[in-house]
Amino acid sequence: MYHAEDTVTGTYLFESGVHGIGNWCFSSFEQADTNKIVGSKGTITFPTFEHHPVVLTTAEGKEEWHFDPLEHVHQPLIETIVAELTGNDVQCPSTGPSGARTNWVMDEMVKNYYQ
């Protein structure tokens, strides 16, 4: 629909040997926000942004955990960035190297799109 990626799919392998698959569609006809961890004894499902319970599903049934929604999730990080940049005695937990690592992962996910 536009120059940015509408759909991104990636597979990845953690150092532990666990495999992961991610699918992101930014132009879907419906909103879906689901993370699912699948194991040999069950699944754990939870959203990233929406306010829904964490659900554990096993052969014995389902368990749900409900949490109060968090306000301004990103605000504490932004406050430490501003404080460090303005010379206050605060060190931001996000560093140049951690930001570069995140940027590298994002670039790897879409590099074929731009080649």
PDB file of N, CA and C in Angstrom:
ATOM      1  N   MET A   1       0.819  -1.192   0.000  1.00  0.00           N
ATOM      2  CA  MET A   1       0.000   0.000   0.000  1.00  0.00           C
ATOM      3  C   MET A   1       0.866   1.260   0.000  1.00  0.00           C
ATOM      4  N   TYR A   2       2.095   1.162   0.498  1.00  0.00           N
ATOM      5  CA  TYR A   2       2.992   2.293   0.594  1.00  0.00           C
ATOM      6  C   TYR A   2       4.403   1.731   0.674  1.00  0.00           C
ATOM      7  N   HIS A   3       5.400   2.582   0.754  1.00  0.00           N
ATOM      8  CA  HIS A   3       6.795   2.147   0.672  1.00  0.00           C
ATOM      9  C   HIS A   3       7.226   1.258   1.847  1.00  0.00           C
ATOM     10  N   ALA A   4       6.712   1.503   3.021  1.00  0.00           N
ATOM     11  CA  ALA A   4       7.122   0.701   4.187  1.00  0.00           C
ATOM     12  C   ALA A   4       6.581  -0.721   4.084  1.00  0.00           C
ATOM     13  N   GLU A   5       7.181  -1.610   4.825  1.00  0.00           N
ATOM     14  CA  GLU A   5       6.789  -3.013   4.812  1.00  0.00           C
ATOM     15  C   GLU A   5       5.386  -3.173   5.390  1.00  0.00           C
ATOM     16  N   ASP A   6       4.489  -3.807   4.654  1.00  0.00           N
ATOM     17  CA  ASP A   6       3.151  -4.113   5.159  1.00  0.00           C
ATOM     18  C   ASP A   6       3.159  -5.412   5.957  1.00  0.00           C
ATOM     19  N   THR A   7       3.933  -6.380   5.485  1.00  0.00           N
ATOM     20  CA  THR A   7       3.981  -7.688   6.118  1.00  0.00           C
ATOM     21  C   THR A   7       5.433  -8.126   6.258  1.00  0.00           C
ATOM     22  N   VAL A   8       5.796  -8.594   7.431  1.00  0.00           N
ATOM     23  CA  VAL A   8       7.149  -9.089   7.692  1.00  0.00           C
ATOM     24  C   VAL A   8       7.014 -10.442   8.368  1.00  0.00           C
ATOM     25  N   THR A   9       7.761 -11.419   7.878  1.00  0.00           N
ATOM     26  CA  THR A   9       7.795 -12.743   8.481  1.00  0.00           C
ATOM     27  C   THR A   9       9.250 -13.111   8.702  1.00  0.00           C
ATOM     28  N   GLY A  10       9.539 -13.653   9.865  1.00  0.00           N
ATOM     29  CA  GLY A  10      10.908 -14.046  10.149  1.00  0.00           C
ATOM     30  C   GLY A  10      10.974 -15.316  10.963  1.00  0.00           C
ATOM     31  N   THR A  11      12.044 -16.047  10.763  1.00  0.00           N
ATOM     32  CA  THR A  11      12.335 -17.202  11.611  1.00  0.00           C
ATOM     33  C   THR A  11      13.670 -16.928  12.277  1.00  0.00           C
ATOM     34  N   TYR A  12      13.816 -17.422  13.471  1.00  0.00           N
ATOM     35  CA  TYR A  12      15.046 -17.163  14.207  1.00  0.00           C
ATOM     36  C   TYR A  12      15.357 -18.334  15.112  1.00  0.00           C
ATOM     37  N   LEU A  13      16.615 -18.418  15.495  1.00  0.00           N
ATOM     38  CA  LEU A  13      17.107 -19.487  16.344  1.00  0.00           C
ATOM     39  C   LEU A  13      17.840 -18.860  17.522  1.00  0.00           C
ATOM     40  N   PHE A  14      17.357 -19.144  18.725  1.00  0.00           N
ATOM     41  CA  PHE A  14      18.003 -18.632  19.928  1.00  0.00           C
ATOM     42  C   PHE A  14      19.251 -19.453  20.243  1.00  0.00           C
ATOM     43  N   GLU A  15      20.178 -18.888  21.010  1.00  0.00           N
ATOM     44  CA  GLU A  15      21.390 -19.607  21.400  1.00  0.00           C
ATOM     45  C   GLU A  15      21.073 -20.927  22.096  1.00  0.00           C
ATOM     46  N   SER A  16      19.944 -21.000  22.776  1.00  0.00           N
ATOM     47  CA  SER A  16      19.551 -22.216  23.497  1.00  0.00           C
ATOM     48  C   SER A  16      19.104 -23.331  22.563  1.00  0.00           C
ATOM     49  N   GLY A  17      18.912 -23.018  21.277  1.00  0.00           N
ATOM     50  CA  GLY A  17      18.426 -24.005  20.327  1.00  0.00           C
ATOM     51  C   GLY A  17      16.935 -23.902  20.065  1.00  0.00           C
ATOM     52  N   VAL A  18      16.241 -23.023  20.777  1.00  0.00           N
ATOM     53  CA  VAL A  18      14.803 -22.828  20.584  1.00  0.00           C
ATOM     54  C   VAL A  18      14.573 -22.047  19.294  1.00  0.00           C
ATOM     55  N   HIS A  19      13.620 -22.508  18.501  1.00  0.00           N
ATOM     56  CA  HIS A  19      13.265 -21.853  17.243  1.00  0.00           C
ATOM     57  C   HIS A  19      12.110 -20.888  17.467  1.00  0.00           C
ATOM     58  N   GLY A  20      12.080 -19.833  16.694  1.00  0.00           N
ATOM     59  CA  GLY A  20      10.987 -18.872  16.768  1.00  0.00           C
ATOM     60  C   GLY A  20      10.534 -18.469  15.384  1.00  0.00           C
ATOM     61  N   ILE A  21       9.277 -18.097  15.292  1.00  0.00           N
ATOM     62  CA  ILE A  21       8.691 -17.595  14.059  1.00  0.00           C
ATOM     63  C   ILE A  21       7.906 -16.338  14.409  1.00  0.00           C
ATOM     64  N   GLY A  22       8.068 -15.309  13.632  1.00  0.00           N
ATOM     65  CA  GLY A  22       7.307 -14.078  13.846  1.00  0.00           C
ATOM     66  C   GLY A  22       6.607 -13.658  12.568  1.00  0.00           C
ATOM     67  N   ASN A  23       5.371 -13.231  12.693  1.00  0.00           N
ATOM     68  CA  ASN A  23       4.594 -12.693  11.572  1.00  0.00           C
ATOM     69  C   ASN A  23       3.992 -11.369  12.009  1.00  0.00           C
ATOM     70  N   TRP A  24       4.254 -10.312  11.234  1.00  0.00           N
ATOM     71  CA  TRP A  24       3.682  -9.009  11.528  1.00  0.00           C
ATOM     72  C   TRP A  24       3.007  -8.507  10.272  1.00  0.00           C
ATOM     73  N   CYS A  25       1.745  -8.160  10.357  1.00  0.00           N
ATOM     74  CA  CYS A  25       1.012  -7.601   9.217  1.00  0.00           C
ATOM     75  C   CYS A  25       0.413  -6.268   9.670  1.00  0.00           C
ATOM     76  N   PHE A  26       0.875  -5.203   9.042  1.00  0.00           N
ATOM     77  CA  PHE A  26       0.460  -3.866   9.452  1.00  0.00           C
ATOM     78  C   PHE A  26      -0.696  -3.321   8.615  1.00  0.00           C
ATOM     79  N   SER A  27      -1.229  -4.161   7.724  1.00  0.00           N
ATOM     80  CA  SER A  27      -2.345  -3.709   6.901  1.00  0.00           C
ATOM     81  C   SER A  27      -3.469  -4.744   6.884  1.00  0.00           C
ATOM     82  N   SER A  28      -3.583  -5.493   7.947  1.00  0.00           N
ATOM     83  CA  SER A  28      -4.599  -6.539   8.045  1.00  0.00           C
ATOM     84  C   SER A  28      -5.993  -5.930   8.184  1.00  0.00           C
ATOM     85  N   PHE A  29      -6.998  -6.677   7.751  1.00  0.00           N
ATOM     86  CA  PHE A  29      -8.369  -6.198   7.878  1.00  0.00           C
ATOM     87  C   PHE A  29      -8.866  -6.263   9.316  1.00  0.00           C
ATOM     88  N   GLU A  30      -8.182  -7.030  10.166  1.00  0.00           N
ATOM     89  CA  GLU A  30      -8.554  -7.080  11.576  1.00  0.00           C
ATOM     90  C   GLU A  30      -7.302  -6.938  12.438  1.00  0.00           C
ATOM     91  N   GLN A  31      -7.487  -6.454  13.642  1.00  0.00           N
ATOM     92  CA  GLN A  31      -6.371  -6.282  14.559  1.00  0.00           C
ATOM     93  C   GLN A  31      -6.189  -7.565  15.359  1.00  0.00           C
ATOM     94  N   ALA A  32      -4.980  -8.087  15.347  1.00  0.00           N
ATOM     95  CA  ALA A  32      -4.648  -9.270  16.134  1.00  0.00           C
ATOM     96  C   ALA A  32      -3.312  -9.010  16.815  1.00  0.00           C
ATOM     97  N   ASP A  33      -3.220  -9.328  18.064  1.00  0.00           N
ATOM     98  CA  ASP A  33      -2.013  -9.078  18.862  1.00  0.00           C
ATOM     99  C   ASP A  33      -1.778 -10.321  19.710  1.00  0.00           C
ATOM    100  N   THR A  34      -1.076 -11.298  19.162  1.00  0.00           N
ATOM    101  CA  THR A  34      -0.925 -12.578  19.853  1.00  0.00           C
ATOM    102  C   THR A  34       0.510 -13.059  19.802  1.00  0.00           C
ATOM    103  N   ASN A  35       1.016 -13.454  20.949  1.00  0.00           N
ATOM    104  CA  ASN A  35       2.282 -14.159  21.066  1.00  0.00           C
ATOM    105  C   ASN A  35       1.948 -15.551  21.576  1.00  0.00           C
ATOM    106  N   LYS A  36       2.538 -16.557  20.980  1.00  0.00           N
ATOM    107  CA  LYS A  36       2.258 -17.919  21.416  1.00  0.00           C
ATOM    108  C   LYS A  36       3.576 -18.671  21.556  1.00  0.00           C
ATOM    109  N   ILE A  37       3.787 -19.224  22.728  1.00  0.00           N
ATOM    110  CA  ILE A  37       4.939 -20.080  22.991  1.00  0.00           C
ATOM    111  C   ILE A  37       4.409 -21.502  23.022  1.00  0.00           C
ATOM    112  N   VAL A  38       4.923 -22.345  22.136  1.00  0.00           N
ATOM    113  CA  VAL A  38       4.454 -23.723  22.016  1.00  0.00           C
ATOM    114  C   VAL A  38       5.539 -24.647  22.539  1.00  0.00           C
ATOM    115  N   GLY A  39       5.171 -25.484  23.484  1.00  0.00           N
ATOM    116  CA  GLY A  39       6.110 -26.444  24.038  1.00  0.00           C
ATOM    117  C   GLY A  39       5.559 -27.853  23.978  1.00  0.00           C
ATOM    118  N   SER A  40       6.314 -28.794  24.478  1.00  0.00           N
ATOM    119  CA  SER A  40       5.902 -30.200  24.422  1.00  0.00           C
ATOM    120  C   SER A  40       4.773 -30.511  25.402  1.00  0.00           C
ATOM    121  N   LYS A  41       4.525 -29.625  26.375  1.00  0.00           N
ATOM    122  CA  LYS A  41       3.471 -29.890  27.364  1.00  0.00           C
ATOM    123  C   LYS A  41       2.354 -28.863  27.343  1.00  0.00           C
ATOM    124  N   GLY A  42       2.427 -27.915  26.406  1.00  0.00           N
ATOM    125  CA  GLY A  42       1.360 -26.927  26.345  1.00  0.00           C
ATOM    126  C   GLY A  42       1.782 -25.662  25.635  1.00  0.00           C
ATOM    127  N   THR A  43       0.911 -24.655  25.702  1.00  0.00           N
ATOM    128  CA  THR A  43       1.174 -23.364  25.089  1.00  0.00           C
ATOM    129  C   THR A  43       0.907 -22.241  26.086  1.00  0.00           C
ATOM    130  N   ILE A  44       1.601 -21.141  25.892  1.00  0.00           N
ATOM    131  CA  ILE A  44       1.346 -19.906  26.626  1.00  0.00           C
ATOM    132  C   ILE A  44       1.028 -18.852  25.573  1.00  0.00           C
ATOM    133  N   THR A  45      -0.103 -18.193  25.723  1.00  0.00           N
ATOM    134  CA  THR A  45      -0.531 -17.171  24.776  1.00  0.00           C
ATOM    135  C   THR A  45      -0.724 -15.855  25.520  1.00  0.00           C
ATOM    136  N   PHE A  46      -0.229 -14.766  24.926  1.00  0.00           N
ATOM    137  CA  PHE A  46      -0.354 -13.447  25.549  1.00  0.00           C
ATOM    138  C   PHE A  46      -0.215 -12.368  24.482  1.00  0.00           C
ATOM    139  N   PRO A  47      -0.787 -11.191  24.718  1.00  0.00           N
ATOM    140  CA  PRO A  47      -0.655 -10.087  23.764  1.00  0.00           C
ATOM    141  C   PRO A  47       0.598  -9.257  24.065  1.00  0.00           C
ATOM    142  N   THR A  48       0.998  -8.471  23.079  1.00  0.00           N
ATOM    143  CA  THR A  48       2.090  -7.521  23.301  1.00  0.00           C
ATOM    144  C   THR A  48       1.543  -6.180  23.779  1.00  0.00           C
ATOM    145  N   PHE A  49       0.508  -5.681  23.107  1.00  0.00           N
ATOM    146  CA  PHE A  49       0.009  -4.343  23.377  1.00  0.00           C
ATOM    147  C   PHE A  49      -1.391  -4.308  23.973  1.00  0.00           C
ATOM    148  N   GLU A  50      -2.216  -5.263  23.631  1.00  0.00           N
ATOM    149  CA  GLU A  50      -3.594  -5.244  24.096  1.00  0.00           C
ATOM    150  C   GLU A  50      -3.682  -5.741  25.540  1.00  0.00           C
ATOM    151  N   HIS A  51      -4.808  -5.453  26.169  1.00  0.00           N
ATOM    152  CA  HIS A  51      -5.007  -5.867  27.558  1.00  0.00           C
ATOM    153  C   HIS A  51      -5.880  -7.120  27.596  1.00  0.00           C
ATOM    154  N   HIS A  52      -5.223  -8.273  27.522  1.00  0.00           N
ATOM    155  CA  HIS A  52      -5.889  -9.566  27.602  1.00  0.00           C
ATOM    156  C   HIS A  52      -5.093 -10.446  28.565  1.00  0.00           C
ATOM    157  N   PRO A  53      -5.692 -11.513  29.066  1.00  0.00           N
ATOM    158  CA  PRO A  53      -4.976 -12.357  30.024  1.00  0.00           C
ATOM    159  C   PRO A  53      -3.864 -13.183  29.366  1.00  0.00           C
ATOM    160  N   VAL A  54      -2.942 -13.628  30.200  1.00  0.00           N
ATOM    161  CA  VAL A  54      -1.965 -14.629  29.802  1.00  0.00           C
ATOM    162  C   VAL A  54      -2.655 -15.971  29.986  1.00  0.00           C
ATOM    163  N   VAL A  55      -2.606 -16.843  28.970  1.00  0.00           N
ATOM    164  CA  VAL A  55      -3.331 -18.111  29.015  1.00  0.00           C
ATOM    165  C   VAL A  55      -2.346 -19.257  28.851  1.00  0.00           C
ATOM    166  N   LEU A  56      -2.381 -20.175  29.808  1.00  0.00           N
ATOM    167  CA  LEU A  56      -1.603 -21.410  29.743  1.00  0.00           C
ATOM    168  C   LEU A  56      -2.571 -22.533  29.398  1.00  0.00           C
ATOM    169  N   THR A  57      -2.290 -23.246  28.310  1.00  0.00           N
ATOM    170  CA  THR A  57      -3.140 -24.360  27.876  1.00  0.00           C
ATOM    171  C   THR A  57      -2.304 -25.639  27.900  1.00  0.00           C
ATOM    172  N   THR A  58      -2.777 -26.633  28.654  1.00  0.00           N
ATOM    173  CA  THR A  58      -2.115 -27.935  28.722  1.00  0.00           C
ATOM    174  C   THR A  58      -3.170 -29.022  28.553  1.00  0.00           C
ATOM    175  N   ALA A  59      -2.743 -30.268  28.613  1.00  0.00           N
ATOM    176  CA  ALA A  59      -3.688 -31.386  28.520  1.00  0.00           C
ATOM    177  C   ALA A  59      -4.692 -31.353  29.668  1.00  0.00           C
ATOM    178  N   GLU A  60      -4.328 -30.727  30.786  1.00  0.00           N
ATOM    179  CA  GLU A  60      -5.218 -30.628  31.947  1.00  0.00           C
ATOM    180  C   GLU A  60      -6.247 -29.514  31.829  1.00  0.00           C
ATOM    181  N   GLY A  61      -6.082 -28.622  30.858  1.00  0.00           N
ATOM    182  CA  GLY A  61      -7.023 -27.525  30.694  1.00  0.00           C
ATOM    183  C   GLY A  61      -6.326 -26.192  30.533  1.00  0.00           C
ATOM    184  N   LYS A  62      -7.074 -25.117  30.840  1.00  0.00           N
ATOM    185  CA  LYS A  62      -6.564 -23.750  30.685  1.00  0.00           C
ATOM    186  C   LYS A  62      -6.490 -23.049  32.030  1.00  0.00           C
ATOM    187  N   GLU A  63      -5.461 -22.236  32.177  1.00  0.00           N
ATOM    188  CA  GLU A  63      -5.327 -21.324  33.318  1.00  0.00           C
ATOM    189  C   GLU A  63      -5.124 -19.931  32.742  1.00  0.00           C
ATOM    190  N   GLU A  64      -5.702 -18.927  33.386  1.00  0.00           N
ATOM    191  CA  GLU A  64      -5.558 -17.550  32.928  1.00  0.00           C
ATOM    192  C   GLU A  64      -5.061 -16.675  34.063  1.00  0.00           C
ATOM    193  N   TRP A  65      -4.219 -15.716  33.714  1.00  0.00           N
ATOM    194  CA  TRP A  65      -3.753 -14.717  34.674  1.00  0.00           C
ATOM    195  C   TRP A  65      -4.120 -13.355  34.123  1.00  0.00           C
ATOM    196  N   HIS A  66      -4.787 -12.574  34.932  1.00  0.00           N
ATOM    197  CA  HIS A  66      -5.210 -11.229  34.536  1.00  0.00           C
ATOM    198  C   HIS A  66      -4.349 -10.211  35.278  1.00  0.00           C
ATOM    199  N   PHE A  67      -3.964  -9.175  34.581  1.00  0.00           N
ATOM    200  CA  PHE A  67      -3.126  -8.124  35.152  1.00  0.00           C
ATOM    201  C   PHE A  67      -3.766  -6.776  34.880  1.00  0.00           C
ATOM    202  N   ASP A  68      -3.541  -5.840  35.779  1.00  0.00           N
ATOM    203  CA  ASP A  68      -4.000  -4.479  35.544  1.00  0.00           C
ATOM    204  C   ASP A  68      -3.197  -3.893  34.386  1.00  0.00           C
ATOM    205  N   PRO A  69      -3.834  -3.130  33.522  1.00  0.00           N
ATOM    206  CA  PRO A  69      -3.079  -2.530  32.411  1.00  0.00           C
ATOM    207  C   PRO A  69      -2.056  -1.540  32.927  1.00  0.00           C
ATOM    208  N   LEU A  70      -0.918  -1.511  32.268  1.00  0.00           N
ATOM    209  CA  LEU A  70       0.131  -0.571  32.631  1.00  0.00           C
ATOM    210  C   LEU A  70      -0.097   0.748  31.908  1.00  0.00           C
ATOM    211  N   GLU A  71       0.123   1.836  32.612  1.00  0.00           N
ATOM    212  CA  GLU A  71       0.027   3.146  31.993  1.00  0.00           C
ATOM    213  C   GLU A  71       1.408   3.605  31.571  1.00  0.00           C
ATOM    214  N   HIS A  72       1.477   4.213  30.427  1.00  0.00           N
ATOM    215  CA  HIS A  72       2.716   4.852  29.984  1.00  0.00           C
ATOM    216  C   HIS A  72       3.909   3.900  30.089  1.00  0.00           C
ATOM    217  N   VAL A  73       3.796   2.745  29.474  1.00  0.00           N
ATOM    218  CA  VAL A  73       4.827   1.720  29.568  1.00  0.00           C
ATOM    219  C   VAL A  73       6.182   2.257  29.142  1.00  0.00           C
ATOM    220  N   HIS A  74       6.226   3.067  28.114  1.00  0.00           N
ATOM    221  CA  HIS A  74       7.489   3.555  27.572  1.00  0.00           C
ATOM    222  C   HIS A  74       8.019   4.785  28.310  1.00  0.00           C
ATOM    223  N   GLN A  75       7.162   5.445  29.079  1.00  0.00           N
ATOM    224  CA  GLN A  75       7.541   6.707  29.711  1.00  0.00           C
ATOM    225  C   GLN A  75       8.765   6.598  30.627  1.00  0.00           C
ATOM    226  N   PRO A  76       8.886   5.584  31.483  1.00  0.00           N
ATOM    227  CA  PRO A  76      10.082   5.534  32.341  1.00  0.00           C
ATOM    228  C   PRO A  76      11.393   5.472  31.554  1.00  0.00           C
ATOM    229  N   LEU A  77      11.410   4.745  30.432  1.00  0.00           N
ATOM    230  CA  LEU A  77      12.618   4.699  29.610  1.00  0.00           C
ATOM    231  C   LEU A  77      12.902   6.075  29.012  1.00  0.00           C
ATOM    232  N   ILE A  78      11.888   6.735  28.475  1.00  0.00           N
ATOM    233  CA  ILE A  78      12.071   8.068  27.892  1.00  0.00           C
ATOM    234  C   ILE A  78      12.575   9.044  28.954  1.00  0.00           C
ATOM    235  N   GLU A  79      12.055   8.945  30.169  1.00  0.00           N
ATOM    236  CA  GLU A  79      12.507   9.826  31.243  1.00  0.00           C
ATOM    237  C   GLU A  79      13.988   9.628  31.545  1.00  0.00           C
ATOM    238  N   THR A  80      14.479   8.372  31.533  1.00  0.00           N
ATOM    239  CA  THR A  80      15.911   8.153  31.792  1.00  0.00           C
ATOM    240  C   THR A  80      16.755   8.658  30.633  1.00  0.00           C
ATOM    241  N   ILE A  81      16.253   8.554  29.409  1.00  0.00           N
ATOM    242  CA  ILE A  81      16.990   9.083  28.251  1.00  0.00           C
ATOM    243  C   ILE A  81      17.127  10.594  28.371  1.00  0.00           C
ATOM    244  N   VAL A  82      16.016  11.272  28.646  1.00  0.00           N
ATOM    245  CA  VAL A  82      16.036  12.733  28.772  1.00  0.00           C
ATOM    246  C   VAL A  82      16.936  13.152  29.940  1.00  0.00           C
ATOM    247  N   ALA A  83      16.827  12.462  31.063  1.00  0.00           N
ATOM    248  CA  ALA A  83      17.640  12.814  32.238  1.00  0.00           C
ATOM    249  C   ALA A  83      19.128  12.669  31.937  1.00  0.00           C
ATOM    250  N   GLU A  84      19.509  11.583  31.286  1.00  0.00           N
ATOM    251  CA  GLU A  84      20.931  11.400  30.974  1.00  0.00           C
ATOM    252  C   GLU A  84      21.414  12.438  29.967  1.00  0.00           C
ATOM    253  N   LEU A  85      20.606  12.716  28.946  1.00  0.00           N
ATOM    254  CA  LEU A  85      21.013  13.684  27.930  1.00  0.00           C
ATOM    255  C   LEU A  85      21.082  15.109  28.462  1.00  0.00           C
ATOM    256  N   THR A  86      20.312  15.412  29.492  1.00  0.00           N
ATOM    257  CA  THR A  86      20.326  16.772  30.038  1.00  0.00           C
ATOM    258  C   THR A  86      21.274  16.907  31.221  1.00  0.00           C
ATOM    259  N   GLY A  87      22.086  15.877  31.453  1.00  0.00           N
ATOM    260  CA  GLY A  87      23.142  15.991  32.447  1.00  0.00           C
ATOM    261  C   GLY A  87      22.754  15.645  33.865  1.00  0.00           C
ATOM    262  N   ASN A  88      21.576  15.104  34.083  1.00  0.00           N
ATOM    263  CA  ASN A  88      21.212  14.659  35.429  1.00  0.00           C
ATOM    264  C   ASN A  88      21.984  13.382  35.756  1.00  0.00           C
ATOM    265  N   ASP A  89      22.093  13.074  37.016  1.00  0.00           N
ATOM    266  CA  ASP A  89      22.873  11.917  37.457  1.00  0.00           C
ATOM    267  C   ASP A  89      22.052  10.632  37.312  1.00  0.00           C
ATOM    268  N   VAL A  90      21.673  10.342  36.077  1.00  0.00           N
ATOM    269  CA  VAL A  90      20.867   9.163  35.772  1.00  0.00           C
ATOM    270  C   VAL A  90      21.498   8.470  34.576  1.00  0.00           C
ATOM    271  N   GLN A  91      21.601   7.155  34.654  1.00  0.00           N
ATOM    272  CA  GLN A  91      22.116   6.410  33.514  1.00  0.00           C
ATOM    273  C   GLN A  91      20.977   5.617  32.884  1.00  0.00           C
ATOM    274  N   CYS A  92      20.771   5.852  31.609  1.00  0.00           N
ATOM    275  CA  CYS A  92      19.712   5.152  30.885  1.00  0.00           C
ATOM    276  C   CYS A  92      20.108   3.692  30.693  1.00  0.00           C
ATOM    277  N   PRO A  93      19.189   2.748  30.946  1.00  0.00           N
ATOM    278  CA  PRO A  93      19.523   1.329  30.770  1.00  0.00           C
ATOM    279  C   PRO A  93      19.698   0.940  29.304  1.00  0.00           C
ATOM    280  N   SER A  94      19.136   1.727  28.383  1.00  0.00           N
ATOM    281  CA  SER A  94      19.306   1.464  26.961  1.00  0.00           C
ATOM    282  C   SER A  94      20.544   2.224  26.499  1.00  0.00           C
ATOM    283  N   THR A  95      21.453   1.503  25.874  1.00  0.00           N
ATOM    284  CA  THR A  95      22.727   2.103  25.462  1.00  0.00           C
ATOM    285  C   THR A  95      22.832   2.143  23.947  1.00  0.00           C
ATOM    286  N   GLY A  96      23.859   2.792  23.462  1.00  0.00           N
ATOM    287  CA  GLY A  96      24.120   2.778  22.030  1.00  0.00           C
ATOM    288  C   GLY A  96      24.262   1.362  21.488  1.00  0.00           C
ATOM    289  N   PRO A  97      25.085   0.521  22.139  1.00  0.00           N
ATOM    290  CA  PRO A  97      25.218  -0.861  21.655  1.00  0.00           C
ATOM    291  C   PRO A  97      23.900  -1.653  21.703  1.00  0.00           C
ATOM    292  N   SER A  98      23.084  -1.458  22.733  1.00  0.00           N
ATOM    293  CA  SER A  98      21.819  -2.208  22.781  1.00  0.00           C
ATOM    294  C   SER A  98      20.864  -1.700  21.702  1.00  0.00           C
ATOM    295  N   GLY A  99      20.865  -0.401  21.446  1.00  0.00           N
ATOM    296  CA  GLY A  99      20.044   0.150  20.377  1.00  0.00           C
ATOM    297  C   GLY A  99      20.529  -0.319  19.009  1.00  0.00           C
ATOM    298  N   ALA A 100      21.863  -0.379  18.830  1.00  0.00           N
ATOM    299  CA  ALA A 100      22.417  -0.847  17.557  1.00  0.00           C
ATOM    300  C   ALA A 100      22.077  -2.319  17.328  1.00  0.00           C
ATOM    301  N   ARG A 101      22.086  -3.114  18.390  1.00  0.00           N
ATOM    302  CA  ARG A 101      21.734  -4.540  18.273  1.00  0.00           C
ATOM    303  C   ARG A 101      20.275  -4.688  17.837  1.00  0.00           C
ATOM    304  N   THR A 102      19.392  -3.916  18.440  1.00  0.00           N
ATOM    305  CA  THR A 102      17.976  -3.956  18.061  1.00  0.00           C
ATOM    306  C   THR A 102      17.808  -3.514  16.619  1.00  0.00           C
ATOM    307  N   ASN A 103      18.501  -2.455  16.223  1.00  0.00           N
ATOM    308  CA  ASN A 103      18.416  -1.966  14.851  1.00  0.00           C
ATOM    309  C   ASN A 103      18.929  -3.011  13.868  1.00  0.00           C
ATOM    310  N   TRP A 104      20.014  -3.728  14.220  1.00  0.00           N
ATOM    311  CA  TRP A 104      20.554  -4.775  13.349  1.00  0.00           C
ATOM    312  C   TRP A 104      19.509  -5.875  13.132  1.00  0.00           C
ATOM    313  N   VAL A 105      18.840  -6.299  14.206  1.00  0.00           N
ATOM    314  CA  VAL A 105      17.820  -7.342  14.081  1.00  0.00           C
ATOM    315  C   VAL A 105      16.704  -6.875  13.155  1.00  0.00           C
ATOM    316  N   MET A 106      16.245  -5.650  13.348  1.00  0.00           N
ATOM    317  CA  MET A 106      15.167  -5.120  12.498  1.00  0.00           C
ATOM    318  C   MET A 106      15.613  -5.039  11.039  1.00  0.00           C
ATOM    319  N   ASP A 107      16.849  -4.592  10.807  1.00  0.00           N
ATOM    320  CA  ASP A 107      17.367  -4.522   9.439  1.00  0.00           C
ATOM    321  C   ASP A 107      17.468  -5.909   8.806  1.00  0.00           C
ATOM    322  N   GLU A 108      17.889  -6.898   9.578  1.00  0.00           N
ATOM    323  CA  GLU A 108      17.982  -8.255   9.059  1.00  0.00           C
ATOM    324  C   GLU A 108      16.619  -8.792   8.651  1.00  0.00           C
ATOM    325  N   MET A 109      15.597  -8.437   9.398  1.00  0.00           N
ATOM    326  CA  MET A 109      14.240  -8.927   9.114  1.00  0.00           C
ATOM    327  C   MET A 109      13.722  -8.429   7.763  1.00  0.00           C
ATOM    328  N   VAL A 110      14.153  -7.251   7.337  1.00  0.00           N
ATOM    329  CA  VAL A 110      13.595  -6.664   6.102  1.00  0.00           C
ATOM    330  C   VAL A 110      14.632  -6.484   4.985  1.00  0.00           C
ATOM    331  N   LYS A 111      15.832  -7.013   5.167  1.00  0.00           N
ATOM    332  CA  LYS A 111      16.873  -6.735   4.171  1.00  0.00           C
ATOM    333  C   LYS A 111      16.533  -7.264   2.779  1.00  0.00           C
ATOM    334  N   ASN A 112      15.868  -8.400   2.683  1.00  0.00           N
ATOM    335  CA  ASN A 112      15.501  -8.922   1.362  1.00  0.00           C
ATOM    336  C   ASN A 112      14.476  -8.032   0.662  1.00  0.00           C
ATOM    337  N   TYR A 113      13.641  -7.377   1.436  1.00  0.00           N
ATOM    338  CA  TYR A 113      12.642  -6.464   0.874  1.00  0.00           C
ATOM    339  C   TYR A 113      13.324  -5.308   0.146  1.00  0.00           C
ATOM    340  N   TYR A 114      14.448  -4.845   0.672  1.00  0.00           N
ATOM    341  CA  TYR A 114      15.118  -3.664   0.123  1.00  0.00           C
ATOM    342  C   TYR A 114      16.209  -4.008  -0.874  1.00  0.00           C
ATOM    343  N   GLN A 115      16.465  -5.298  -1.127  1.00  0.00           N
ATOM    344  CA  GLN A 115      17.514  -5.669  -2.089  1.00  0.00           C
ATOM    345  C   GLN A 115      16.957  -5.780  -3.483  1.00  0.00           C
TER     346      GLN A 115
END
